[in-house]
C-alpha atoms as a PDB file:
ATOM      1  CA  UNK A   1      92.916 -18.077   1.160  1.00  0.00           C
ATOM      2  CA  UNK A   2      90.785 -21.195   1.505  1.00  0.00           C
ATOM      3  CA  UNK A   3      92.026 -24.638   0.527  1.00  0.00           C
ATOM      4  CA  UNK A   4      89.591 -27.278  -0.669  1.00  0.00           C
ATOM      5  CA  UNK A   5      89.360 -30.592   1.161  1.00  0.00           C
ATOM      6  CA  UNK A   6      90.209 -32.474  -2.041  1.00  0.00           C
ATOM      7  CA  UNK A   7      93.355 -30.381  -2.631  1.00  0.00           C
ATOM      8  CA  UNK A   8      94.463 -30.857   0.993  1.00  0.00           C
ATOM      9  CA  UNK A   9      93.978 -34.629   0.641  1.00  0.00           C
ATOM     10  CA  UNK A  10      95.925 -34.637  -2.637  1.00  0.00           C
ATOM     11  CA  UNK A  11      98.826 -32.685  -1.107  1.00  0.00           C
ATOM     12  CA  UNK A  12      99.021 -34.955   1.924  1.00  0.00           C
ATOM     13  CA  UNK A  13      99.021 -38.024  -0.346  1.00  0.00           C
ATOM     14  CA  UNK A  14     101.699 -36.670  -2.680  1.00  0.00           C
ATOM     15  CA  UNK A  15     104.034 -35.401   0.041  1.00  0.00           C
ATOM     16  CA  UNK A  16     103.237 -38.356   2.323  1.00  0.00           C
ATOM     17  CA  UNK A  17     104.763 -40.660  -0.284  1.00  0.00           C
ATOM     18  CA  UNK A  18     108.077 -38.923   0.344  1.00  0.00           C
ATOM     19  CA  UNK A  19     107.971 -38.616   4.145  1.00  0.00           C
ATOM     20  CA  UNK A  20     105.472 -38.166   6.968  1.00  0.00           C
ATOM     21  CA  UNK A  21     103.776 -34.770   6.735  1.00  0.00           C
ATOM     22  CA  UNK A  22     100.960 -33.207   8.682  1.00  0.00           C
ATOM     23  CA  UNK A  23      98.996 -30.019   8.185  1.00  0.00           C
ATOM     24  CA  UNK A  24      97.270 -27.390  10.271  1.00  0.00           C
ATOM     25  CA  UNK A  25      94.838 -24.690   9.308  1.00  0.00           C
ATOM     26  CA  UNK A  26      96.412 -21.278   9.667  1.00  0.00           C
ATOM     27  CA  UNK A  27      94.984 -17.892   8.653  1.00  0.00           C
ATOM     28  CA  UNK A  28      92.476 -19.456   6.279  1.00  0.00           C
ATOM     29  CA  UNK A  29      95.072 -21.609   4.523  1.00  0.00           C
ATOM     30  CA  UNK A  30      97.147 -24.624   5.478  1.00  0.00           C
ATOM     31  CA  UNK A  31     100.641 -24.984   6.863  1.00  0.00           C
ATOM     32  CA  UNK A  32     102.532 -28.260   6.292  1.00  0.00           C
ATOM     33  CA  UNK A  33     105.062 -29.705   8.711  1.00  0.00           C
ATOM     34  CA  UNK A  34     107.767 -32.351   8.516  1.00  0.00           C
ATOM     35  CA  UNK A  35     109.783 -33.196  11.620  1.00  0.00           C
ATOM     36  CA  UNK A  36     107.991 -30.357  13.407  1.00  0.00           C
ATOM     37  CA  UNK A  37     109.194 -27.786  10.867  1.00  0.00           C
ATOM     38  CA  UNK A  38     106.868 -25.615   8.797  1.00  0.00           C
ATOM     39  CA  UNK A  39     108.182 -26.049   5.265  1.00  0.00           C
ATOM     40  CA  UNK A  40     105.143 -25.434   3.058  1.00  0.00           C
ATOM     41  CA  UNK A  41     101.849 -23.631   2.932  1.00  0.00           C
ATOM     42  CA  UNK A  42      98.790 -23.783   0.732  1.00  0.00           C
ATOM     43  CA  UNK A  43      96.376 -21.012  -0.112  1.00  0.00           C
ATOM     44  CA  UNK A  44      93.634 -20.918  -2.746  1.00  0.00           C
ATOM     45  CA  UNK A  45      94.572 -24.436  -3.888  1.00  0.00           C
ATOM     46  CA  UNK A  46      98.176 -23.465  -4.613  1.00  0.00           C
ATOM     47  CA  UNK A  47     101.189 -24.987  -2.836  1.00  0.00           C
ATOM     48  CA  UNK A  48     104.202 -22.942  -1.773  1.00  0.00           C
ATOM     49  CA  UNK A  49     107.516 -24.181  -0.340  1.00  0.00           C
ATOM     50  CA  UNK A  50     109.770 -22.288   2.060  1.00  0.00           C
ATOM     51  CA  UNK A  51     112.650 -20.594   0.241  1.00  0.00           C
ATOM     52  CA  UNK A  52     115.905 -18.786   0.890  1.00  0.00           C
ATOM     53  CA  UNK A  53     119.016 -18.039  -1.147  1.00  0.00           C
ATOM     54  CA  UNK A  54     119.829 -21.759  -1.441  1.00  0.00           C
ATOM     55  CA  UNK A  55     116.667 -22.856  -3.257  1.00  0.00           C
ATOM     56  CA  UNK A  56     115.027 -19.632  -4.495  1.00  0.00           C
ATOM     57  CA  UNK A  57     116.904 -19.906  -7.830  1.00  0.00           C
ATOM     58  CA  UNK A  58     115.121 -23.235  -8.473  1.00  0.00           C
ATOM     59  CA  UNK A  59     111.736 -21.529  -8.209  1.00  0.00           C
ATOM     60  CA  UNK A  60     112.803 -18.521 -10.245  1.00  0.00           C
ATOM     61  CA  UNK A  61     114.255 -20.758 -12.988  1.00  0.00           C
ATOM     62  CA  UNK A  62     110.866 -22.491 -13.176  1.00  0.00           C
ATOM     63  CA  UNK A  63     109.125 -19.104 -13.482  1.00  0.00           C
ATOM     64  CA  UNK A  64     107.487 -19.332 -10.070  1.00  0.00           C
ATOM     65  CA  UNK A  65     106.934 -16.369  -7.766  1.00  0.00           C
ATOM     66  CA  UNK A  66     106.576 -15.754  -4.045  1.00  0.00           C
ATOM     67  CA  UNK A  67     103.441 -15.995  -1.951  1.00  0.00           C
ATOM     68  CA  UNK A  68     102.002 -12.494  -1.501  1.00  0.00           C
ATOM     69  CA  UNK A  69      99.088 -12.782   0.925  1.00  0.00           C
ATOM     70  CA  UNK A  70      98.512  -9.038   0.978  1.00  0.00           C
ATOM     71  CA  UNK A  71      98.909  -8.536  -2.787  1.00  0.00           C
ATOM     72  CA  UNK A  72     101.784  -6.125  -2.171  1.00  0.00           C
ATOM     73  CA  UNK A  73     104.914  -6.999  -4.205  1.00  0.00           C
ATOM     74  CA  UNK A  74     106.976  -5.130  -1.624  1.00  0.00           C
ATOM     75  CA  UNK A  75     105.848  -7.601   1.083  1.00  0.00           C
ATOM     76  CA  UNK A  76     106.302 -11.144  -0.279  1.00  0.00           C
ATOM     77  CA  UNK A  77     106.655 -14.068   2.078  1.00  0.00           C
ATOM     78  CA  UNK A  78     109.628 -16.385   1.747  1.00  0.00           C
ATOM     79  CA  UNK A  79     107.487 -19.144   0.285  1.00  0.00           C
ATOM     80  CA  UNK A  80     107.480 -19.766  -3.476  1.00  0.00           C
ATOM     81  CA  UNK A  81     104.888 -21.496  -5.619  1.00  0.00           C
ATOM     82  CA  UNK A  82     105.788 -25.104  -6.380  1.00  0.00           C
ATOM     83  CA  UNK A  83     105.620 -26.055 -10.067  1.00  0.00           C
ATOM     84  CA  UNK A  84     102.751 -28.498 -10.668  1.00  0.00           C
ATOM     85  CA  UNK A  85     105.045 -30.894 -12.530  1.00  0.00           C
ATOM     86  CA  UNK A  86     107.243 -31.169  -9.411  1.00  0.00           C
ATOM     87  CA  UNK A  87     104.250 -32.048  -7.251  1.00  0.00           C
ATOM     88  CA  UNK A  88     103.307 -34.803  -9.693  1.00  0.00           C
ATOM     89  CA  UNK A  89     106.821 -36.333  -9.909  1.00  0.00           C
ATOM     90  CA  UNK A  90     107.860 -38.151  -6.690  1.00  0.00           C
ATOM     91  CA  UNK A  91     111.578 -38.010  -7.525  1.00  0.00           C
ATOM     92  CA  UNK A  92     111.540 -34.254  -8.090  1.00  0.00           C
ATOM     93  CA  UNK A  93     109.194 -33.685  -5.183  1.00  0.00           C
ATOM     94  CA  UNK A  94     111.596 -35.471  -2.829  1.00  0.00           C
ATOM     95  CA  UNK A  95     114.429 -33.126  -3.814  1.00  0.00           C
ATOM     96  CA  UNK A  96     112.354 -29.945  -3.550  1.00  0.00           C
ATOM     97  CA  UNK A  97     110.851 -31.042  -0.223  1.00  0.00           C
ATOM     98  CA  UNK A  98     114.284 -31.814   1.236  1.00  0.00           C
ATOM     99  CA  UNK A  99     115.513 -28.359   0.276  1.00  0.00           C
ATOM    100  CA  UNK A 100     112.452 -26.618   1.758  1.00  0.00           C
ATOM    101  CA  UNK A 101     112.723 -28.618   4.979  1.00  0.00           C
ATOM    102  CA  UNK A 102     116.414 -27.686   5.202  1.00  0.00           C
ATOM    103  CA  UNK A 103     115.467 -24.012   4.796  1.00  0.00           C
ATOM    104  CA  UNK A 104     112.935 -24.397   7.621  1.00  0.00           C
ATOM    105  CA  UNK A 105     115.567 -26.046   9.821  1.00  0.00           C
ATOM    106  CA  UNK A 106     118.016 -23.196   9.236  1.00  0.00           C
ATOM    107  CA  UNK A 107     115.325 -20.591   9.888  1.00  0.00           C
ATOM    108  CA  UNK A 108     114.432 -22.243  13.160  1.00  0.00           C
ATOM    109  CA  UNK A 109     118.003 -21.909  14.403  1.00  0.00           C
ATOM    110  CA  UNK A 110     118.731 -18.436  13.033  1.00  0.00           C
ATOM    111  CA  UNK A 111     119.691 -15.773  15.578  1.00  0.00           C
ATOM    112  CA  UNK A 112     116.624 -13.714  14.637  1.00  0.00           C
ATOM    113  CA  UNK A 113     114.175 -16.513  15.387  1.00  0.00           C
ATOM    114  CA  UNK A 114     116.018 -17.797  18.450  1.00  0.00           C
ATOM    115  CA  UNK A 115     117.400 -14.814  20.376  1.00  0.00           C
ATOM    116  CA  UNK A 116     119.804 -15.419  23.224  1.00  0.00           C
ATOM    117  CA  UNK A 117     118.588 -14.421  26.616  1.00  0.00           C
ATOM    118  CA  UNK A 118     120.818 -12.981  29.335  1.00  0.00           C
END
């Protein structure tokens, strides 16, 4: 799941034009953060954005599929491959990034990820 240095630099430049983004190496790939929220990941020089029912149709309409780190279609992650043309168009990228960051914000406050303690 390696990511080349040149691809990492390219991603940070493209997304950094929209808003401040940082990255961290995770499990052989990269995880991207905006406002402290993990909204994207990269593996094998492919970028994936966080998805849920609100933005998944955008990815599916573009013919993009989910990230499957284990190769098992029954176990996809909720990150979908970003179309290359979106990454290269700052106006489109801004919209897709905002949606993915919103998904990350909702996930961070979901009952499953933030259980109440008694």
